[in-house]
N, C-alpha and C. Protein backbone atom coordinates (compact mmCIF):
# COMPACT_ATOMS: atom_id res chain seq x y z
N MET A 1 5.57 -0.39 19.36
CA MET A 1 4.03 -0.48 18.91
C MET A 1 3.92 -2.04 18.55
N LYS A 2 2.68 -2.03 19.33
CA LYS A 2 2.26 -3.58 18.84
C LYS A 2 2.00 -4.13 17.23
N GLU A 3 2.70 -4.70 16.75
CA GLU A 3 2.44 -5.18 15.64
C GLU A 3 0.81 -4.81 14.85
N GLU A 4 -0.33 -5.31 15.61
CA GLU A 4 -1.56 -5.05 15.20
C GLU A 4 -1.63 -3.33 15.24
N LYS A 5 -1.53 -2.60 15.70
CA LYS A 5 -1.44 -1.43 15.93
C LYS A 5 -0.21 -0.98 14.23
N ARG A 6 0.34 -1.83 14.29
CA ARG A 6 1.71 -0.62 13.17
C ARG A 6 0.71 -0.80 12.22
N VAL A 7 0.42 -2.61 11.91
CA VAL A 7 -0.52 -3.05 10.36
C VAL A 7 -1.76 -1.51 10.74
N ASN A 8 -2.29 -1.59 11.62
CA ASN A 8 -3.63 -0.53 11.30
C ASN A 8 -2.78 0.82 10.99
N ALA A 9 -2.00 1.01 11.93
CA ALA A 9 -1.81 2.67 11.07
C ALA A 9 -1.68 2.81 9.42
N LEU A 10 -0.52 1.67 9.05
CA LEU A 10 -0.60 1.73 7.77
C LEU A 10 -1.38 1.16 6.91
N LYS A 11 -2.83 0.49 7.01
CA LYS A 11 -3.65 0.37 6.15
C LYS A 11 -4.40 1.97 6.13
N LYS A 12 -4.59 2.49 7.62
CA LYS A 12 -5.27 3.75 7.32
C LYS A 12 -4.77 4.50 6.84
N THR A 13 -3.44 4.79 6.91
CA THR A 13 -2.96 5.77 6.25
C THR A 13 -3.28 5.92 4.49
N ILE A 14 -3.31 4.34 4.23
CA ILE A 14 -3.25 4.09 2.54
C ILE A 14 -4.57 4.67 2.12
N GLU A 15 -5.65 4.16 3.23
CA GLU A 15 -7.09 4.67 2.88
C GLU A 15 -7.32 6.22 3.10
N LEU A 16 -6.79 6.83 3.96
CA LEU A 16 -7.11 8.07 4.18
C LEU A 16 -6.45 9.07 2.60
N CYS A 17 -5.15 8.38 2.20
CA CYS A 17 -4.41 8.91 1.13
C CYS A 17 -5.19 8.57 -0.26
N ALA A 18 -5.75 7.58 0.09
CA ALA A 18 -6.47 7.10 -1.41
C ALA A 18 -8.25 8.02 -1.30
N LEU A 19 -8.16 8.86 -0.07
CA LEU A 19 -9.25 9.25 -0.23
C LEU A 19 -9.30 10.71 -0.30
N HIS A 20 -8.25 11.37 0.27
CA HIS A 20 -7.76 12.85 0.30
C HIS A 20 -6.44 13.00 -0.71
N GLY A 21 -5.34 12.07 -1.01
CA GLY A 21 -4.50 12.39 -1.16
C GLY A 21 -3.38 12.47 -0.13
N PHE A 22 -1.90 12.51 -0.97
CA PHE A 22 -0.88 13.06 0.30
C PHE A 22 -1.11 14.16 1.04
N HIS A 23 -0.86 15.03 -0.02
CA HIS A 23 -1.27 16.46 0.98
C HIS A 23 -2.56 16.41 1.92
N GLY A 24 -3.58 16.09 1.42
CA GLY A 24 -4.69 16.16 1.76
C GLY A 24 -4.86 15.28 3.35
N THR A 25 -4.19 14.51 3.38
CA THR A 25 -3.91 13.40 4.60
C THR A 25 -3.05 14.20 5.81
N SER A 26 -3.53 14.74 6.57
CA SER A 26 -2.66 15.47 7.60
C SER A 26 -2.46 14.39 8.67
N MET A 27 -1.63 14.34 9.71
CA MET A 27 -1.37 13.61 10.65
C MET A 27 -2.78 13.71 11.40
N ASP A 28 -3.17 14.78 11.97
CA ASP A 28 -4.41 14.73 12.99
C ASP A 28 -5.16 13.35 12.05
N LYS A 29 -5.39 13.61 10.71
CA LYS A 29 -6.83 12.55 10.17
C LYS A 29 -6.01 11.25 10.69
N ILE A 30 -4.77 10.71 10.14
CA ILE A 30 -4.01 9.68 10.54
C ILE A 30 -4.35 9.55 12.20
N THR A 31 -4.08 10.35 13.10
CA THR A 31 -4.61 10.06 14.87
C THR A 31 -5.80 10.02 14.86
N ALA A 32 -6.71 10.77 14.18
CA ALA A 32 -8.52 10.58 14.14
C ALA A 32 -8.63 8.94 13.92
N ALA A 33 -8.11 8.59 12.97
CA ALA A 33 -8.42 7.44 12.15
C ALA A 33 -7.63 6.21 13.10
N THR A 34 -6.59 6.30 13.64
CA THR A 34 -6.05 4.78 14.26
C THR A 34 -6.15 5.23 15.53
N GLY A 35 -6.64 6.43 16.42
CA GLY A 35 -6.51 6.15 17.87
C GLY A 35 -4.99 6.61 18.35
N LEU A 36 -4.21 6.31 17.53
CA LEU A 36 -2.81 6.68 17.76
C LEU A 36 -2.72 8.00 18.29
N SER A 37 -1.49 8.71 18.90
CA SER A 37 -1.30 9.94 19.33
C SER A 37 -0.20 10.34 17.87
N LYS A 38 0.15 11.44 18.11
CA LYS A 38 1.00 11.93 16.73
C LYS A 38 2.19 11.66 17.40
N ALA A 39 2.42 11.59 18.62
CA ALA A 39 3.77 11.45 19.41
C ALA A 39 4.02 9.61 19.24
N THR A 40 2.88 8.46 19.21
CA THR A 40 3.28 7.71 18.87
C THR A 40 3.59 7.00 17.44
N ILE A 41 2.91 7.59 16.94
CA ILE A 41 3.05 7.10 15.45
C ILE A 41 4.68 7.89 15.07
N TYR A 42 4.78 8.73 15.55
CA TYR A 42 6.42 9.63 14.90
C TYR A 42 7.38 8.87 15.86
N LYS A 43 7.00 7.90 16.80
CA LYS A 43 8.15 7.28 17.47
C LYS A 43 8.14 5.95 16.42
N TYR A 44 7.36 5.12 15.67
CA TYR A 44 8.14 4.43 14.92
C TYR A 44 7.83 4.88 13.58
N PHE A 45 7.58 5.91 13.13
CA PHE A 45 7.78 6.38 11.28
C PHE A 45 8.06 7.74 11.56
N GLN A 46 9.31 7.92 11.21
CA GLN A 46 9.94 9.45 10.90
C GLN A 46 9.17 10.18 10.43
N SER A 47 8.28 9.96 9.38
CA SER A 47 7.00 11.20 8.72
C SER A 47 5.94 10.44 8.06
N LYS A 48 5.15 11.36 7.64
CA LYS A 48 4.07 11.07 6.81
C LYS A 48 5.04 10.04 5.32
N GLU A 49 5.55 10.24 4.68
CA GLU A 49 6.21 9.65 4.07
C GLU A 49 7.15 8.26 4.38
N ASN A 50 7.35 8.26 5.24
CA ASN A 50 8.09 6.87 5.94
C ASN A 50 6.72 6.21 6.12
N LEU A 51 5.68 6.54 6.67
CA LEU A 51 4.65 5.47 7.02
C LEU A 51 3.37 4.89 5.30
N ILE A 52 3.69 6.11 4.56
CA ILE A 52 3.20 5.70 3.44
C ILE A 52 3.99 4.48 2.42
N ALA A 53 5.78 4.58 2.71
CA ALA A 53 6.38 3.43 2.17
C ALA A 53 6.17 2.31 3.08
N ASN A 54 6.40 1.87 4.08
CA ASN A 54 5.87 1.17 4.92
C ASN A 54 4.76 0.38 4.45
N ALA A 55 3.47 1.44 4.17
CA ALA A 55 2.36 0.47 3.81
C ALA A 55 2.49 0.07 2.38
N LEU A 56 3.18 0.61 1.54
CA LEU A 56 3.53 -0.04 0.72
C LEU A 56 4.43 -1.08 0.31
N GLU A 57 4.98 -1.50 1.03
CA GLU A 57 5.93 -2.57 1.58
C GLU A 57 5.25 -3.77 2.13
N LEU A 58 4.41 -3.17 3.16
CA LEU A 58 3.11 -4.16 3.82
C LEU A 58 2.50 -4.90 2.48
N PHE A 59 2.08 -4.13 1.79
CA PHE A 59 0.70 -4.39 0.70
C PHE A 59 2.06 -5.67 -0.54
N SER A 60 3.12 -5.40 -0.57
CA SER A 60 3.89 -5.87 -1.23
C SER A 60 4.52 -7.19 -0.47
N GLN A 61 4.71 -7.38 0.19
CA GLN A 61 5.27 -8.34 1.54
C GLN A 61 3.72 -9.40 1.20
N GLN A 62 2.21 -8.73 1.59
CA GLN A 62 0.89 -9.84 1.51
C GLN A 62 0.86 -10.48 0.03
N SER A 63 0.97 -9.73 -1.08
CA SER A 63 0.85 -9.87 -2.35
C SER A 63 2.32 -11.37 -2.47
N LEU A 64 3.28 -11.17 -2.40
CA LEU A 64 4.15 -12.33 -1.83
C LEU A 64 3.64 -13.05 -1.17
N SER A 65 2.96 -13.08 -0.33
CA SER A 65 2.28 -13.89 0.33
C SER A 65 1.58 -14.67 0.33
N TYR A 66 0.73 -14.26 -0.59
CA TYR A 66 -0.22 -14.88 -1.35
C TYR A 66 0.07 -15.57 -2.34
N VAL A 67 1.42 -15.29 -2.85
CA VAL A 67 1.69 -16.32 -4.69
C VAL A 67 2.33 -17.30 -3.98
N GLN A 68 3.33 -17.17 -2.67
CA GLN A 68 3.60 -18.19 -2.58
C GLN A 68 2.47 -19.38 -1.80
N ALA A 69 1.49 -19.01 -1.12
CA ALA A 69 0.22 -19.81 -1.17
C ALA A 69 -0.27 -20.44 -2.00
N LEU A 70 -0.62 -19.35 -2.90
CA LEU A 70 -1.23 -19.96 -4.16
C LEU A 70 -0.18 -21.16 -4.88
N PHE A 71 0.78 -20.85 -4.78
CA PHE A 71 1.51 -22.06 -5.58
C PHE A 71 2.11 -23.35 -4.72
N GLU A 72 1.66 -23.34 -3.53
CA GLU A 72 2.02 -24.37 -2.38
C GLU A 72 0.69 -25.34 -2.01
N ASN A 73 -0.09 -24.54 -3.10
CA ASN A 73 -1.40 -25.27 -2.90
C ASN A 73 -1.25 -26.34 -3.79
N ILE A 74 -2.01 -27.79 -3.27
CA ILE A 74 -1.82 -29.00 -4.18
C ILE A 74 -2.99 -29.18 -4.65
N GLU A 75 -4.20 -28.19 -4.28
CA GLU A 75 -5.88 -28.61 -4.90
C GLU A 75 -6.02 -28.04 -6.14
N LEU A 76 -4.78 -27.25 -6.68
CA LEU A 76 -5.38 -26.68 -7.73
C LEU A 76 -4.53 -26.67 -9.04
N THR A 77 -4.83 -26.97 -10.22
CA THR A 77 -3.80 -27.02 -11.20
C THR A 77 -3.20 -26.24 -11.61
N LEU A 78 -2.05 -26.42 -12.59
CA LEU A 78 -1.33 -25.26 -12.78
C LEU A 78 -1.86 -24.39 -13.48
N GLU A 79 -2.84 -24.36 -14.04
CA GLU A 79 -3.22 -23.56 -15.06
C GLU A 79 -4.61 -22.61 -13.95
N GLU A 80 -5.09 -23.13 -12.96
CA GLU A 80 -5.69 -22.61 -12.13
C GLU A 80 -4.30 -21.64 -11.45
N LYS A 81 -3.22 -22.04 -11.05
CA LYS A 81 -2.77 -20.90 -10.45
C LYS A 81 -2.22 -19.86 -11.16
N LYS A 82 -1.75 -20.00 -12.51
CA LYS A 82 -1.27 -19.48 -13.19
C LYS A 82 -2.32 -18.24 -13.70
N LEU A 83 -3.98 -18.58 -13.74
CA LEU A 83 -4.50 -17.36 -13.71
C LEU A 83 -5.22 -17.23 -12.73
N ARG A 84 -5.20 -17.31 -11.75
CA ARG A 84 -5.08 -16.58 -10.26
C ARG A 84 -3.90 -15.64 -10.38
N PHE A 85 -2.85 -16.02 -10.33
CA PHE A 85 -1.46 -15.74 -10.42
C PHE A 85 -1.87 -14.40 -11.07
N VAL A 86 -2.07 -14.48 -12.42
CA VAL A 86 -2.09 -13.57 -13.44
C VAL A 86 -3.17 -12.35 -13.26
N LEU A 87 -3.95 -12.77 -12.73
CA LEU A 87 -5.27 -12.29 -12.42
C LEU A 87 -5.33 -11.13 -10.82
N LYS A 88 -4.21 -11.38 -9.88
CA LYS A 88 -3.50 -10.94 -8.72
C LYS A 88 -2.61 -9.82 -8.99
N ALA A 89 -1.60 -10.50 -9.90
CA ALA A 89 -0.80 -9.51 -10.29
C ALA A 89 -1.79 -8.19 -11.10
N LEU A 90 -2.50 -8.49 -11.75
CA LEU A 90 -3.31 -7.36 -12.64
C LEU A 90 -3.89 -6.36 -11.62
N LEU A 91 -4.64 -6.80 -10.41
CA LEU A 91 -4.82 -6.46 -9.88
C LEU A 91 -4.13 -5.16 -8.51
N GLY A 92 -3.01 -6.19 -8.25
CA GLY A 92 -2.19 -5.04 -8.15
C GLY A 92 -1.08 -4.23 -8.60
N VAL A 93 -1.18 -4.50 -9.62
CA VAL A 93 -0.48 -3.51 -10.88
C VAL A 93 -1.68 -2.10 -10.86
N LEU A 94 -3.05 -2.58 -11.27
CA LEU A 94 -4.08 -1.40 -11.03
C LEU A 94 -4.51 -0.47 -9.64
N ILE A 95 -4.29 -1.59 -8.35
CA ILE A 95 -4.12 -0.68 -6.76
C ILE A 95 -3.41 0.07 -6.58
N LEU A 96 -1.78 -0.49 -7.06
CA LEU A 96 -0.55 0.20 -6.64
C LEU A 96 -0.55 1.77 -7.77
N ASN A 97 -1.09 1.53 -9.15
CA ASN A 97 -1.35 2.82 -9.86
C ASN A 97 -2.00 3.74 -9.58
N HIS A 98 -2.90 3.16 -9.00
CA HIS A 98 -4.33 4.31 -7.89
C HIS A 98 -3.82 4.93 -7.64
N LEU A 99 -3.26 4.05 -6.56
CA LEU A 99 -2.59 4.79 -5.16
C LEU A 99 -1.51 5.66 -5.36
N MET A 100 -0.65 5.48 -6.14
CA MET A 100 0.66 6.39 -6.58
C MET A 100 0.20 7.50 -7.34
N ALA A 101 -0.82 7.65 -7.73
CA ALA A 101 -1.95 8.65 -8.29
C ALA A 101 -2.19 9.67 -7.73
N VAL A 102 -3.38 8.92 -6.60
CA VAL A 102 -3.90 9.82 -5.91
C VAL A 102 -3.04 9.93 -4.57
N ILE A 103 -2.20 9.70 -4.10
CA ILE A 103 -0.96 9.62 -2.97
C ILE A 103 -0.02 11.47 -3.41
N PHE A 104 0.27 11.07 -5.38
CA PHE A 104 1.19 12.11 -5.29
C PHE A 104 0.57 12.95 -6.33
N ASN A 105 -0.68 12.74 -6.67
CA ASN A 105 -1.48 13.70 -7.00
C ASN A 105 -1.29 13.85 -8.68
N TRP A 106 -0.99 12.70 -9.41
CA TRP A 106 -0.73 12.49 -10.66
C TRP A 106 -1.78 12.01 -11.21
N HIS A 107 -2.05 11.92 -12.60
CA HIS A 107 -2.81 12.00 -13.44
C HIS A 107 -2.30 9.98 -13.49
N THR A 108 -3.65 9.47 -13.61
CA THR A 108 -3.46 8.13 -13.90
C THR A 108 -2.50 7.72 -15.15
N VAL A 109 -2.73 8.51 -16.03
CA VAL A 109 -2.23 8.38 -17.29
C VAL A 109 -0.76 8.81 -17.78
N ASN A 110 -0.18 9.59 -16.22
CA ASN A 110 1.17 10.23 -16.62
C ASN A 110 1.85 9.32 -15.44
N THR A 111 0.98 8.28 -14.38
CA THR A 111 2.20 7.64 -13.57
C THR A 111 3.05 6.94 -14.34
N ALA A 112 3.01 6.28 -15.27
CA ALA A 112 3.81 5.74 -15.74
C ALA A 112 5.45 6.72 -15.67
N VAL A 113 5.27 7.54 -16.52
CA VAL A 113 6.29 8.75 -16.72
C VAL A 113 6.44 9.16 -15.68
N LYS A 114 5.77 9.55 -14.27
CA LYS A 114 6.05 9.89 -13.18
C LYS A 114 7.34 8.82 -12.71
N ILE A 115 6.96 7.26 -12.59
CA ILE A 115 7.53 6.93 -12.13
C ILE A 115 8.94 6.43 -12.69
N LYS A 116 8.95 6.63 -13.85
CA LYS A 116 10.30 6.60 -15.17
C LYS A 116 11.03 7.85 -14.36
N GLU A 117 10.45 9.00 -14.36
CA GLU A 117 11.26 9.91 -14.12
C GLU A 117 11.93 10.13 -12.57
N LEU A 118 11.09 9.34 -11.82
CA LEU A 118 11.55 9.07 -10.16
C LEU A 118 12.89 7.99 -10.21
N LEU A 119 12.69 7.28 -10.99
CA LEU A 119 13.78 6.64 -11.47
C LEU A 119 15.32 6.81 -11.82
N ARG A 120 15.17 7.64 -12.17
CA ARG A 120 16.41 8.07 -12.99
C ARG A 120 17.13 8.78 -12.10
């Protein structure tokens, strides 16, 4: 799968899960949104869960790239870099919290508890 199609599939899957939740996001919805066949998607991702895991990994990689570029930017002062880093980190936590809550049908207040349960 070309990288562009793969990334598009990951982004569309997260968008659909954010709208419909994990269980409300069918492979039919994913194929309609991406224009890819089920066979193509399953060739590269073993399951819907695998799509989600890859999408969250992509989000993490993009966040790390942002942080690296931020701290390599010589035009910003250290204080500006720190402020942008903190704001980006907070936004990332809020986004991930929302995605985890919606994807797994968790109530946002219980997200931390659910994550702790999964990590045991």
